[in-house]
PDB file of N, CA and C in Angstrom:
ATOM      1  N   MET A   1      97.839  48.193  85.298  1.00  0.00           N
ATOM      2  CA  MET A   1      96.756  48.450  86.244  1.00  0.00           C
ATOM      3  C   MET A   1      96.095  49.785  85.921  1.00  0.00           C
ATOM      4  N   LYS A   2      94.780  49.790  85.877  1.00  0.00           N
ATOM      5  CA  LYS A   2      94.041  51.013  85.566  1.00  0.00           C
ATOM      6  C   LYS A   2      94.046  51.951  86.772  1.00  0.00           C
ATOM      7  N   LYS A   3      94.134  53.256  86.486  1.00  0.00           N
ATOM      8  CA  LYS A   3      94.246  54.241  87.553  1.00  0.00           C
ATOM      9  C   LYS A   3      93.036  55.161  87.600  1.00  0.00           C
ATOM     10  N   ILE A   4      92.566  55.422  88.826  1.00  0.00           N
ATOM     11  CA  ILE A   4      91.411  56.298  89.039  1.00  0.00           C
ATOM     12  C   ILE A   4      91.850  57.491  89.879  1.00  0.00           C
ATOM     13  N   LEU A   5      91.532  58.678  89.402  1.00  0.00           N
ATOM     14  CA  LEU A   5      91.788  59.911  90.152  1.00  0.00           C
ATOM     15  C   LEU A   5      90.511  60.300  90.880  1.00  0.00           C
ATOM     16  N   ILE A   6      90.631  60.511  92.193  1.00  0.00           N
ATOM     17  CA  ILE A   6      89.496  60.915  93.026  1.00  0.00           C
ATOM     18  C   ILE A   6      89.682  62.385  93.380  1.00  0.00           C
ATOM     19  N   VAL A   7      88.729  63.226  92.987  1.00  0.00           N
ATOM     20  CA  VAL A   7      88.800  64.651  93.316  1.00  0.00           C
ATOM     21  C   VAL A   7      87.613  64.975  94.224  1.00  0.00           C
ATOM     22  N   ASP A   8      87.899  65.164  95.514  1.00  0.00           N
ATOM     23  CA  ASP A   8      86.843  65.410  96.506  1.00  0.00           C
ATOM     24  C   ASP A   8      87.475  66.085  97.711  1.00  0.00           C
ATOM     25  N   ASP A   9      86.779  67.067  98.289  1.00  0.00           N
ATOM     26  CA  ASP A   9      87.343  67.781  99.434  1.00  0.00           C
ATOM     27  C   ASP A   9      87.025  67.102 100.768  1.00  0.00           C
ATOM     28  N   ASP A  10      86.253  66.020 100.751  1.00  0.00           N
ATOM     29  CA  ASP A  10      85.898  65.306 101.979  1.00  0.00           C
ATOM     30  C   ASP A  10      86.863  64.129 102.168  1.00  0.00           C
ATOM     31  N   PRO A  11      87.785  64.227 103.156  1.00  0.00           N
ATOM     32  CA  PRO A  11      88.777  63.159 103.323  1.00  0.00           C
ATOM     33  C   PRO A  11      88.151  61.791 103.602  1.00  0.00           C
ATOM     34  N   ASN A  12      86.983  61.769 104.236  1.00  0.00           N
ATOM     35  CA  ASN A  12      86.316  60.488 104.503  1.00  0.00           C
ATOM     36  C   ASN A  12      85.876  59.815 103.212  1.00  0.00           C
ATOM     37  N   ILE A  13      85.349  60.608 102.279  1.00  0.00           N
ATOM     38  CA  ILE A  13      84.936  60.073 100.968  1.00  0.00           C
ATOM     39  C   ILE A  13      86.166  59.601 100.202  1.00  0.00           C
ATOM     40  N   VAL A  14      87.223  60.401 100.227  1.00  0.00           N
ATOM     41  CA  VAL A  14      88.459  60.019  99.528  1.00  0.00           C
ATOM     42  C   VAL A  14      88.984  58.690 100.070  1.00  0.00           C
ATOM     43  N   ASP A  15      89.060  58.571 101.398  1.00  0.00           N
ATOM     44  CA  ASP A  15      89.542  57.326 102.008  1.00  0.00           C
ATOM     45  C   ASP A  15      88.669  56.149 101.609  1.00  0.00           C
ATOM     46  N   TYR A  16      87.353  56.361 101.637  1.00  0.00           N
ATOM     47  CA  TYR A  16      86.415  55.294 101.285  1.00  0.00           C
ATOM     48  C   TYR A  16      86.619  54.839  99.838  1.00  0.00           C
ATOM     49  N   LEU A  17      86.722  55.811  98.923  1.00  0.00           N
ATOM     50  CA  LEU A  17      86.877  55.487  97.503  1.00  0.00           C
ATOM     51  C   LEU A  17      88.237  54.845  97.215  1.00  0.00           C
ATOM     52  N   VAL A  18      89.301  55.338  97.847  1.00  0.00           N
ATOM     53  CA  VAL A  18      90.626  54.737  97.661  1.00  0.00           C
ATOM     54  C   VAL A  18      90.577  53.263  98.057  1.00  0.00           C
ATOM     55  N   THR A  19      90.005  52.992  99.227  1.00  0.00           N
ATOM     56  CA  THR A  19      89.907  51.608  99.711  1.00  0.00           C
ATOM     57  C   THR A  19      89.050  50.764  98.770  1.00  0.00           C
ATOM     58  N   LEU A  20      87.900  51.302  98.385  1.00  0.00           N
ATOM     59  CA  LEU A  20      86.978  50.578  97.496  1.00  0.00           C
ATOM     60  C   LEU A  20      87.664  50.225  96.177  1.00  0.00           C
ATOM     61  N   PHE A  21      88.302  51.198  95.551  1.00  0.00           N
ATOM     62  CA  PHE A  21      88.930  50.963  94.247  1.00  0.00           C
ATOM     63  C   PHE A  21      90.152  50.045  94.370  1.00  0.00           C
ATOM     64  N   GLU A  22      90.990  50.299  95.371  1.00  0.00           N
ATOM     65  CA  GLU A  22      92.203  49.474  95.504  1.00  0.00           C
ATOM     66  C   GLU A  22      91.861  48.032  95.860  1.00  0.00           C
ATOM     67  N   ASP A  23      90.811  47.835  96.673  1.00  0.00           N
ATOM     68  CA  ASP A  23      90.366  46.477  96.998  1.00  0.00           C
ATOM     69  C   ASP A  23      89.850  45.743  95.765  1.00  0.00           C
ATOM     70  N   ASN A  24      89.496  46.517  94.735  1.00  0.00           N
ATOM     71  CA  ASN A  24      88.963  45.926  93.507  1.00  0.00           C
ATOM     72  C   ASN A  24      89.965  45.977  92.355  1.00  0.00           C
ATOM     73  N   GLY A  25      91.237  46.173  92.681  1.00  0.00           N
ATOM     74  CA  GLY A  25      92.290  46.024  91.688  1.00  0.00           C
ATOM     75  C   GLY A  25      92.667  47.259  90.893  1.00  0.00           C
ATOM     76  N   TYR A  26      92.249  48.440  91.351  1.00  0.00           N
ATOM     77  CA  TYR A  26      92.609  49.678  90.649  1.00  0.00           C
ATOM     78  C   TYR A  26      93.682  50.432  91.425  1.00  0.00           C
ATOM     79  N   ALA A  27      94.532  51.134  90.718  1.00  0.00           N
ATOM     80  CA  ALA A  27      95.450  52.078  91.355  1.00  0.00           C
ATOM     81  C   ALA A  27      94.687  53.381  91.542  1.00  0.00           C
ATOM     82  N   THR A  28      95.042  54.168  92.559  1.00  0.00           N
ATOM     83  CA  THR A  28      94.341  55.428  92.776  1.00  0.00           C
ATOM     84  C   THR A  28      95.331  56.559  93.030  1.00  0.00           C
ATOM     85  N   CYS A  29      94.844  57.757  92.761  1.00  0.00           N
ATOM     86  CA  CYS A  29      95.513  58.966  93.209  1.00  0.00           C
ATOM     87  C   CYS A  29      94.377  59.908  93.583  1.00  0.00           C
ATOM     88  N   SER A  30      94.645  60.892  94.423  1.00  0.00           N
ATOM     89  CA  SER A  30      93.538  61.742  94.864  1.00  0.00           C
ATOM     90  C   SER A  30      93.992  63.182  95.052  1.00  0.00           C
ATOM     91  N   ALA A  31      93.007  64.063  95.044  1.00  0.00           N
ATOM     92  CA  ALA A  31      93.250  65.486  95.260  1.00  0.00           C
ATOM     93  C   ALA A  31      92.070  66.053  96.036  1.00  0.00           C
ATOM     94  N   GLY A  32      92.359  67.003  96.935  1.00  0.00           N
ATOM     95  CA  GLY A  32      91.324  67.571  97.794  1.00  0.00           C
ATOM     96  C   GLY A  32      90.639  68.798  97.226  1.00  0.00           C
ATOM     97  N   ASN A  33      91.076  69.258  96.053  1.00  0.00           N
ATOM     98  CA  ASN A  33      90.400  70.386  95.418  1.00  0.00           C
ATOM     99  C   ASN A  33      90.619  70.312  93.907  1.00  0.00           C
ATOM    100  N   ALA A  34      89.894  71.153  93.187  1.00  0.00           N
ATOM    101  CA  ALA A  34      89.911  71.084  91.725  1.00  0.00           C
ATOM    102  C   ALA A  34      91.269  71.467  91.134  1.00  0.00           C
ATOM    103  N   GLN A  35      91.931  72.461  91.727  1.00  0.00           N
ATOM    104  CA  GLN A  35      93.225  72.897  91.195  1.00  0.00           C
ATOM    105  C   GLN A  35      94.261  71.776  91.302  1.00  0.00           C
ATOM    106  N   ASP A  36      94.345  71.151  92.488  1.00  0.00           N
ATOM    107  CA  ASP A  36      95.272  70.032  92.662  1.00  0.00           C
ATOM    108  C   ASP A  36      94.861  68.860  91.779  1.00  0.00           C
ATOM    109  N   GLY A  37      93.550  68.667  91.656  1.00  0.00           N
ATOM    110  CA  GLY A  37      93.038  67.588  90.816  1.00  0.00           C
ATOM    111  C   GLY A  37      93.449  67.757  89.365  1.00  0.00           C
ATOM    112  N   PHE A  38      93.406  68.994  88.893  1.00  0.00           N
ATOM    113  CA  PHE A  38      93.777  69.276  87.507  1.00  0.00           C
ATOM    114  C   PHE A  38      95.268  68.994  87.283  1.00  0.00           C
ATOM    115  N   GLU A  39      96.105  69.448  88.222  1.00  0.00           N
ATOM    116  CA  GLU A  39      97.552  69.179  88.125  1.00  0.00           C
ATOM    117  C   GLU A  39      97.820  67.672  88.179  1.00  0.00           C
ATOM    118  N   MET A  40      97.130  66.989  89.078  1.00  0.00           N
ATOM    119  CA  MET A  40      97.298  65.549  89.225  1.00  0.00           C
ATOM    120  C   MET A  40      96.867  64.826  87.953  1.00  0.00           C
ATOM    121  N   ALA A  41      95.776  65.274  87.351  1.00  0.00           N
ATOM    122  CA  ALA A  41      95.282  64.655  86.115  1.00  0.00           C
ATOM    123  C   ALA A  41      96.321  64.804  85.001  1.00  0.00           C
ATOM    124  N   LYS A  42      96.925  65.997  84.893  1.00  0.00           N
ATOM    125  CA  LYS A  42      97.936  66.221  83.857  1.00  0.00           C
ATOM    126  C   LYS A  42      99.167  65.348  84.102  1.00  0.00           C
ATOM    127  N   GLN A  43      99.531  65.167  85.360  1.00  0.00           N
ATOM    128  CA  GLN A  43     100.715  64.395  85.723  1.00  0.00           C
ATOM    129  C   GLN A  43     100.469  62.890  85.555  1.00  0.00           C
ATOM    130  N   GLU A  44      99.323  62.416  86.019  1.00  0.00           N
ATOM    131  CA  GLU A  44      99.060  60.974  86.073  1.00  0.00           C
ATOM    132  C   GLU A  44      98.308  60.429  84.854  1.00  0.00           C
ATOM    133  N   VAL A  45      97.523  61.280  84.184  1.00  0.00           N
ATOM    134  CA  VAL A  45      96.634  60.885  83.084  1.00  0.00           C
ATOM    135  C   VAL A  45      95.878  59.585  83.450  1.00  0.00           C
ATOM    136  N   PRO A  46      94.939  59.708  84.394  1.00  0.00           N
ATOM    137  CA  PRO A  46      94.219  58.521  84.874  1.00  0.00           C
ATOM    138  C   PRO A  46      93.263  57.955  83.824  1.00  0.00           C
ATOM    139  N   ASP A  47      92.768  56.743  84.084  1.00  0.00           N
ATOM    140  CA  ASP A  47      91.827  56.093  83.174  1.00  0.00           C
ATOM    141  C   ASP A  47      90.392  56.530  83.434  1.00  0.00           C
ATOM    142  N   LEU A  48      90.143  57.061  84.649  1.00  0.00           N
ATOM    143  CA  LEU A  48      88.807  57.537  85.013  1.00  0.00           C
ATOM    144  C   LEU A  48      88.974  58.519  86.156  1.00  0.00           C
ATOM    145  N   ILE A  49      88.046  59.470  86.255  1.00  0.00           N
ATOM    146  CA  ILE A  49      88.081  60.466  87.341  1.00  0.00           C
ATOM    147  C   ILE A  49      86.732  60.468  88.045  1.00  0.00           C
ATOM    148  N   THR A  50      86.752  60.409  89.400  1.00  0.00           N
ATOM    149  CA  THR A  50      85.525  60.694  90.143  1.00  0.00           C
ATOM    150  C   THR A  50      85.648  62.135  90.617  1.00  0.00           C
ATOM    151  N   LEU A  51      84.577  62.886  90.471  1.00  0.00           N
ATOM    152  CA  LEU A  51      84.621  64.333  90.688  1.00  0.00           C
ATOM    153  C   LEU A  51      83.467  64.797  91.558  1.00  0.00           C
ATOM    154  N   ASP A  52      83.802  65.468  92.657  1.00  0.00           N
ATOM    155  CA  ASP A  52      82.811  66.127  93.493  1.00  0.00           C
ATOM    156  C   ASP A  52      82.484  67.461  92.824  1.00  0.00           C
ATOM    157  N   LEU A  53      81.260  67.937  92.983  1.00  0.00           N
ATOM    158  CA  LEU A  53      80.889  69.210  92.356  1.00  0.00           C
ATOM    159  C   LEU A  53      81.227  70.406  93.226  1.00  0.00           C
ATOM    160  N   GLU A  54      80.928  70.316  94.511  1.00  0.00           N
ATOM    161  CA  GLU A  54      81.108  71.470  95.387  1.00  0.00           C
ATOM    162  C   GLU A  54      82.361  71.305  96.217  1.00  0.00           C
ATOM    163  N   MET A  55      83.371  72.119  95.905  1.00  0.00           N
ATOM    164  CA  MET A  55      84.638  72.081  96.633  1.00  0.00           C
ATOM    165  C   MET A  55      85.119  73.511  96.844  1.00  0.00           C
ATOM    166  N   PRO A  56      85.995  73.712  97.826  1.00  0.00           N
ATOM    167  CA  PRO A  56      86.546  75.063  97.997  1.00  0.00           C
ATOM    168  C   PRO A  56      87.341  75.474  96.763  1.00  0.00           C
ATOM    169  N   GLY A  57      87.349  76.745  96.464  1.00  0.00           N
ATOM    170  CA  GLY A  57      88.065  77.207  95.267  1.00  0.00           C
ATOM    171  C   GLY A  57      87.216  76.964  94.037  1.00  0.00           C
ATOM    172  N   GLU A  58      87.706  76.149  93.147  1.00  0.00           N
ATOM    173  CA  GLU A  58      86.984  75.880  91.906  1.00  0.00           C
ATOM    174  C   GLU A  58      85.958  74.774  92.089  1.00  0.00           C
ATOM    175  N   TRP A  59      84.848  74.928  91.435  1.00  0.00           N
ATOM    176  CA  TRP A  59      83.813  73.899  91.463  1.00  0.00           C
ATOM    177  C   TRP A  59      84.097  72.837  90.402  1.00  0.00           C
ATOM    178  N   GLY A  60      83.480  71.689  90.571  1.00  0.00           N
ATOM    179  CA  GLY A  60      83.646  70.587  89.640  1.00  0.00           C
ATOM    180  C   GLY A  60      83.432  70.948  88.174  1.00  0.00           C
ATOM    181  N   PRO A  61      82.336  71.661  87.844  1.00  0.00           N
ATOM    182  CA  PRO A  61      82.103  71.980  86.425  1.00  0.00           C
ATOM    183  C   PRO A  61      83.239  72.789  85.794  1.00  0.00           C
ATOM    184  N   ARG A  62      83.855  73.682  86.572  1.00  0.00           N
ATOM    185  CA  ARG A  62      84.962  74.468  86.034  1.00  0.00           C
ATOM    186  C   ARG A  62      86.189  73.573  85.800  1.00  0.00           C
ATOM    187  N   PHE A  63      86.434  72.654  86.742  1.00  0.00           N
ATOM    188  CA  PHE A  63      87.510  71.660  86.578  1.00  0.00           C
ATOM    189  C   PHE A  63      87.280  70.883  85.291  1.00  0.00           C
ATOM    190  N   TYR A  64      86.037  70.463  85.091  1.00  0.00           N
ATOM    191  CA  TYR A  64      85.718  69.654  83.911  1.00  0.00           C
ATOM    192  C   TYR A  64      85.928  70.440  82.630  1.00  0.00           C
ATOM    193  N   ARG A  65      85.559  71.704  82.645  1.00  0.00           N
ATOM    194  CA  ARG A  65      85.737  72.544  81.456  1.00  0.00           C
ATOM    195  C   ARG A  65      87.226  72.692  81.125  1.00  0.00           C
ATOM    196  N   LYS A  66      88.046  72.933  82.136  1.00  0.00           N
ATOM    197  CA  LYS A  66      89.491  73.037  81.910  1.00  0.00           C
ATOM    198  C   LYS A  66      90.048  71.708  81.395  1.00  0.00           C
ATOM    199  N   MET A  67      89.586  70.624  81.993  1.00  0.00           N
ATOM    200  CA  MET A  67      90.060  69.308  81.601  1.00  0.00           C
ATOM    201  C   MET A  67      89.716  69.013  80.138  1.00  0.00           C
ATOM    202  N   SER A  68      88.528  69.406  79.728  1.00  0.00           N
ATOM    203  CA  SER A  68      88.081  69.092  78.368  1.00  0.00           C
ATOM    204  C   SER A  68      88.814  69.908  77.302  1.00  0.00           C
ATOM    205  N   GLU A  69      89.589  70.912  77.741  1.00  0.00           N
ATOM    206  CA  GLU A  69      90.402  71.688  76.797  1.00  0.00           C
ATOM    207  C   GLU A  69      91.808  71.106  76.647  1.00  0.00           C
ATOM    208  N   GLU A  70      92.142  70.099  77.463  1.00  0.00           N
ATOM    209  CA  GLU A  70      93.463  69.471  77.414  1.00  0.00           C
ATOM    210  C   GLU A  70      93.410  68.233  76.525  1.00  0.00           C
ATOM    211  N   LYS A  71      94.270  68.193  75.519  1.00  0.00           N
ATOM    212  CA  LYS A  71      94.273  67.088  74.564  1.00  0.00           C
ATOM    213  C   LYS A  71      94.402  65.723  75.237  1.00  0.00           C
ATOM    214  N   ASN A  72      95.294  65.615  76.230  1.00  0.00           N
ATOM    215  CA  ASN A  72      95.532  64.328  76.892  1.00  0.00           C
ATOM    216  C   ASN A  72      94.439  63.925  77.872  1.00  0.00           C
ATOM    217  N   LEU A  73      93.588  64.881  78.254  1.00  0.00           N
ATOM    218  CA  LEU A  73      92.618  64.623  79.321  1.00  0.00           C
ATOM    219  C   LEU A  73      91.171  64.583  78.856  1.00  0.00           C
ATOM    220  N   LYS A  74      90.901  65.172  77.691  1.00  0.00           N
ATOM    221  CA  LYS A  74      89.499  65.420  77.338  1.00  0.00           C
ATOM    222  C   LYS A  74      88.665  64.162  77.135  1.00  0.00           C
ATOM    223  N   ASN A  75      89.305  63.022  76.882  1.00  0.00           N
ATOM    224  CA  ASN A  75      88.527  61.802  76.666  1.00  0.00           C
ATOM    225  C   ASN A  75      88.458  60.883  77.887  1.00  0.00           C
ATOM    226  N   ILE A  76      88.961  61.351  79.021  1.00  0.00           N
ATOM    227  CA  ILE A  76      88.899  60.545  80.242  1.00  0.00           C
ATOM    228  C   ILE A  76      87.463  60.571  80.776  1.00  0.00           C
ATOM    229  N   PRO A  77      86.870  59.389  81.031  1.00  0.00           N
ATOM    230  CA  PRO A  77      85.507  59.387  81.569  1.00  0.00           C
ATOM    231  C   PRO A  77      85.469  59.970  82.988  1.00  0.00           C
ATOM    232  N   VAL A  78      84.410  60.726  83.279  1.00  0.00           N
ATOM    233  CA  VAL A  78      84.237  61.355  84.587  1.00  0.00           C
ATOM    234  C   VAL A  78      82.939  60.857  85.216  1.00  0.00           C
ATOM    235  N   VAL A  79      83.035  60.427  86.475  1.00  0.00           N
ATOM    236  CA  VAL A  79      81.854  60.060  87.256  1.00  0.00           C
ATOM    237  C   VAL A  79      81.691  61.127  88.334  1.00  0.00           C
ATOM    238  N   VAL A  80      80.552  61.822  88.304  1.00  0.00           N
ATOM    239  CA  VAL A  80      80.272  62.847  89.304  1.00  0.00           C
ATOM    240  C   VAL A  80      79.724  62.164  90.555  1.00  0.00           C
ATOM    241  N   ILE A  81      80.308  62.495  91.708  1.00  0.00           N
ATOM    242  CA  ILE A  81      79.806  62.010  92.992  1.00  0.00           C
ATOM    243  C   ILE A  81      79.609  63.237  93.870  1.00  0.00           C
ATOM    244  N   THR A  82      78.351  63.545  94.184  1.00  0.00           N
ATOM    245  CA  THR A  82      78.068  64.803  94.870  1.00  0.00           C
ATOM    246  C   THR A  82      77.026  64.646  95.965  1.00  0.00           C
ATOM    247  N   GLY A  83      77.038  65.591  96.887  1.00  0.00           N
ATOM    248  CA  GLY A  83      76.038  65.626  97.936  1.00  0.00           C
ATOM    249  C   GLY A  83      74.760  66.324  97.494  1.00  0.00           C
ATOM    250  N   PHE A  84      74.795  66.978  96.336  1.00  0.00           N
ATOM    251  CA  PHE A  84      73.618  67.681  95.826  1.00  0.00           C
ATOM    252  C   PHE A  84      72.691  66.717  95.109  1.00  0.00           C
ATOM    253  N   SER A  85      71.443  66.669  95.508  1.00  0.00           N
ATOM    254  CA  SER A  85      70.511  65.892  94.691  1.00  0.00           C
ATOM    255  C   SER A  85      70.029  66.803  93.569  1.00  0.00           C
ATOM    256  N   GLY A  86      69.662  66.220  92.444  1.00  0.00           N
ATOM    257  CA  GLY A  86      69.176  67.018  91.323  1.00  0.00           C
ATOM    258  C   GLY A  86      70.288  67.691  90.546  1.00  0.00           C
ATOM    259  N   SER A  87      71.542  67.312  90.813  1.00  0.00           N
ATOM    260  CA  SER A  87      72.642  67.981  90.108  1.00  0.00           C
ATOM    261  C   SER A  87      73.238  67.084  89.034  1.00  0.00           C
ATOM    262  N   GLU A  88      72.490  66.042  88.655  1.00  0.00           N
ATOM    263  CA  GLU A  88      73.061  65.076  87.708  1.00  0.00           C
ATOM    264  C   GLU A  88      73.324  65.672  86.328  1.00  0.00           C
ATOM    265  N   HIS A  89      72.800  66.857  86.062  1.00  0.00           N
ATOM    266  CA  HIS A  89      73.027  67.455  84.738  1.00  0.00           C
ATOM    267  C   HIS A  89      74.042  68.593  84.787  1.00  0.00           C
ATOM    268  N   ALA A  90      74.700  68.769  85.939  1.00  0.00           N
ATOM    269  CA  ALA A  90      75.670  69.863  86.074  1.00  0.00           C
ATOM    270  C   ALA A  90      76.819  69.690  85.087  1.00  0.00           C
ATOM    271  N   ILE A  91      77.208  68.451  84.842  1.00  0.00           N
ATOM    272  CA  ILE A  91      78.241  68.160  83.850  1.00  0.00           C
ATOM    273  C   ILE A  91      77.618  67.192  82.855  1.00  0.00           C
ATOM    274  N   GLY A  92      77.149  67.750  81.754  1.00  0.00           N
ATOM    275  CA  GLY A  92      76.380  66.966  80.795  1.00  0.00           C
ATOM    276  C   GLY A  92      77.120  65.784  80.199  1.00  0.00           C
ATOM    277  N   LYS A  93      78.439  65.905  80.070  1.00  0.00           N
ATOM    278  CA  LYS A  93      79.199  64.833  79.422  1.00  0.00           C
ATOM    279  C   LYS A  93      79.739  63.806  80.408  1.00  0.00           C
ATOM    280  N   ALA A  94      79.421  63.943  81.698  1.00  0.00           N
ATOM    281  CA  ALA A  94      79.864  62.938  82.673  1.00  0.00           C
ATOM    282  C   ALA A  94      79.225  61.604  82.295  1.00  0.00           C
ATOM    283  N   VAL A  95      79.971  60.506  82.468  1.00  0.00           N
ATOM    284  CA  VAL A  95      79.440  59.196  82.093  1.00  0.00           C
ATOM    285  C   VAL A  95      78.379  58.728  83.082  1.00  0.00           C
ATOM    286  N   ALA A  96      78.417  59.268  84.310  1.00  0.00           N
ATOM    287  CA  ALA A  96      77.419  58.925  85.318  1.00  0.00           C
ATOM    288  C   ALA A  96      77.447  59.980  86.406  1.00  0.00           C
ATOM    289  N   SER A  97      76.369  60.045  87.169  1.00  0.00           N
ATOM    290  CA  SER A  97      76.288  60.982  88.275  1.00  0.00           C
ATOM    291  C   SER A  97      75.633  60.283  89.456  1.00  0.00           C
ATOM    292  N   LEU A  98      76.338  60.226  90.581  1.00  0.00           N
ATOM    293  CA  LEU A  98      75.822  59.564  91.775  1.00  0.00           C
ATOM    294  C   LEU A  98      75.682  60.588  92.895  1.00  0.00           C
ATOM    295  N   THR A  99      74.643  60.417  93.707  1.00  0.00           N
ATOM    296  CA  THR A  99      74.429  61.299  94.844  1.00  0.00           C
ATOM    297  C   THR A  99      74.869  60.583  96.115  1.00  0.00           C
ATOM    298  N   LYS A 100      75.628  61.279  96.951  1.00  0.00           N
ATOM    299  CA  LYS A 100      76.039  60.710  98.238  1.00  0.00           C
ATOM    300  C   LYS A 100      74.809  60.586  99.141  1.00  0.00           C
ATOM    301  N   PRO A 101      74.631  59.537  99.906  1.00  0.00           N
ATOM    302  CA  PRO A 101      75.436  58.319  99.908  1.00  0.00           C
ATOM    303  C   PRO A 101      75.102  57.469  98.674  1.00  0.00           C
ATOM    304  N   PHE A 102      76.106  56.912  98.046  1.00  0.00           N
ATOM    305  CA  PHE A 102      75.907  56.163  96.808  1.00  0.00           C
ATOM    306  C   PHE A 102      76.062  54.670  97.069  1.00  0.00           C
ATOM    307  N   ASP A 103      75.637  53.888  96.126  1.00  0.00           N
ATOM    308  CA  ASP A 103      75.735  52.435  96.218  1.00  0.00           C
ATOM    309  C   ASP A 103      77.082  51.997  95.655  1.00  0.00           C
ATOM    310  N   ARG A 104      77.893  51.331  96.470  1.00  0.00           N
ATOM    311  CA  ARG A 104      79.250  50.947  96.037  1.00  0.00           C
ATOM    312  C   ARG A 104      79.229  49.986  94.853  1.00  0.00           C
ATOM    313  N   GLY A 105      78.250  49.093  94.820  1.00  0.00           N
ATOM    314  CA  GLY A 105      78.131  48.158  93.698  1.00  0.00           C
ATOM    315  C   GLY A 105      77.828  48.881  92.396  1.00  0.00           C
ATOM    316  N   GLU A 106      76.955  49.871  92.477  1.00  0.00           N
ATOM    317  CA  GLU A 106      76.607  50.676  91.286  1.00  0.00           C
ATOM    318  C   GLU A 106      77.845  51.424  90.790  1.00  0.00           C
ATOM    319  N   LEU A 107      78.593  52.021  91.715  1.00  0.00           N
ATOM    320  CA  LEU A 107      79.795  52.754  91.329  1.00  0.00           C
ATOM    321  C   LEU A 107      80.815  51.822  90.674  1.00  0.00           C
ATOM    322  N   LEU A 108      81.041  50.663  91.271  1.00  0.00           N
ATOM    323  CA  LEU A 108      82.011  49.718  90.696  1.00  0.00           C
ATOM    324  C   LEU A 108      81.583  49.236  89.310  1.00  0.00           C
ATOM    325  N   ALA A 109      80.281  49.039  89.127  1.00  0.00           N
ATOM    326  CA  ALA A 109      79.775  48.619  87.813  1.00  0.00           C
ATOM    327  C   ALA A 109      80.042  49.701  86.762  1.00  0.00           C
ATOM    328  N   ILE A 110      79.840  50.964  87.139  1.00  0.00           N
ATOM    329  CA  ILE A 110      80.078  52.091  86.229  1.00  0.00           C
ATOM    330  C   ILE A 110      81.572  52.143  85.876  1.00  0.00           C
ATOM    331  N   VAL A 111      82.421  52.035  86.896  1.00  0.00           N
ATOM    332  CA  VAL A 111      83.869  52.084  86.670  1.00  0.00           C
ATOM    333  C   VAL A 111      84.295  50.963  85.733  1.00  0.00           C
ATOM    334  N   LYS A 112      83.806  49.778  86.013  1.00  0.00           N
ATOM    335  CA  LYS A 112      84.173  48.610  85.192  1.00  0.00           C
ATOM    336  C   LYS A 112      83.758  48.815  83.726  1.00  0.00           C
ATOM    337  N   GLU A 113      82.601  49.443  83.534  1.00  0.00           N
ATOM    338  CA  GLU A 113      82.098  49.680  82.188  1.00  0.00           C
ATOM    339  C   GLU A 113      82.985  50.654  81.404  1.00  0.00           C
ATOM    340  N   TYR A 114      83.540  51.651  82.092  1.00  0.00           N
ATOM    341  CA  TYR A 114      84.260  52.717  81.384  1.00  0.00           C
ATOM    342  C   TYR A 114      85.770  52.615  81.438  1.00  0.00           C
ATOM    343  N   VAL A 115      86.314  51.701  82.248  1.00  0.00           N
ATOM    344  CA  VAL A 115      87.780  51.602  82.357  1.00  0.00           C
ATOM    345  C   VAL A 115      88.262  50.401  81.575  1.00  0.00           C
TER     346      VAL A 115
END
C-alpha cells in the first residue's frame, strides 16, 4: 500500500486529507509542523508528501530544502497545499501546487499520477 505523509498545521485539513486518502486506498501519516514532518519522513519514507507552506516554526520551503539533501527523501514527490494564492512557485520542484480550498478530484488525480 502506498503511503502519503501530510504536513500541515491545520488539524481540520489533516483530518480531511487522511480521510480522503484512506478512503481511496492509501496509507497515511501526518505531522503538524515541518520539524515533526521531517522526522516522520525519515522514519516512514512515504511515497508522496503533501506540504503546507505556512506553519509555525519552519516554513514549507525550508522543510523541502532539508528533505532534498537527504538521499532517501530527495526523490519523493511533493504536492504543495497552501492558503496563499500566488505561491505556486515557492517550491519550484513540487510536482503540483494547490490553493485551499482545493478540488479533491484534482488532488487525487495528481496523487495517482505520482504514486
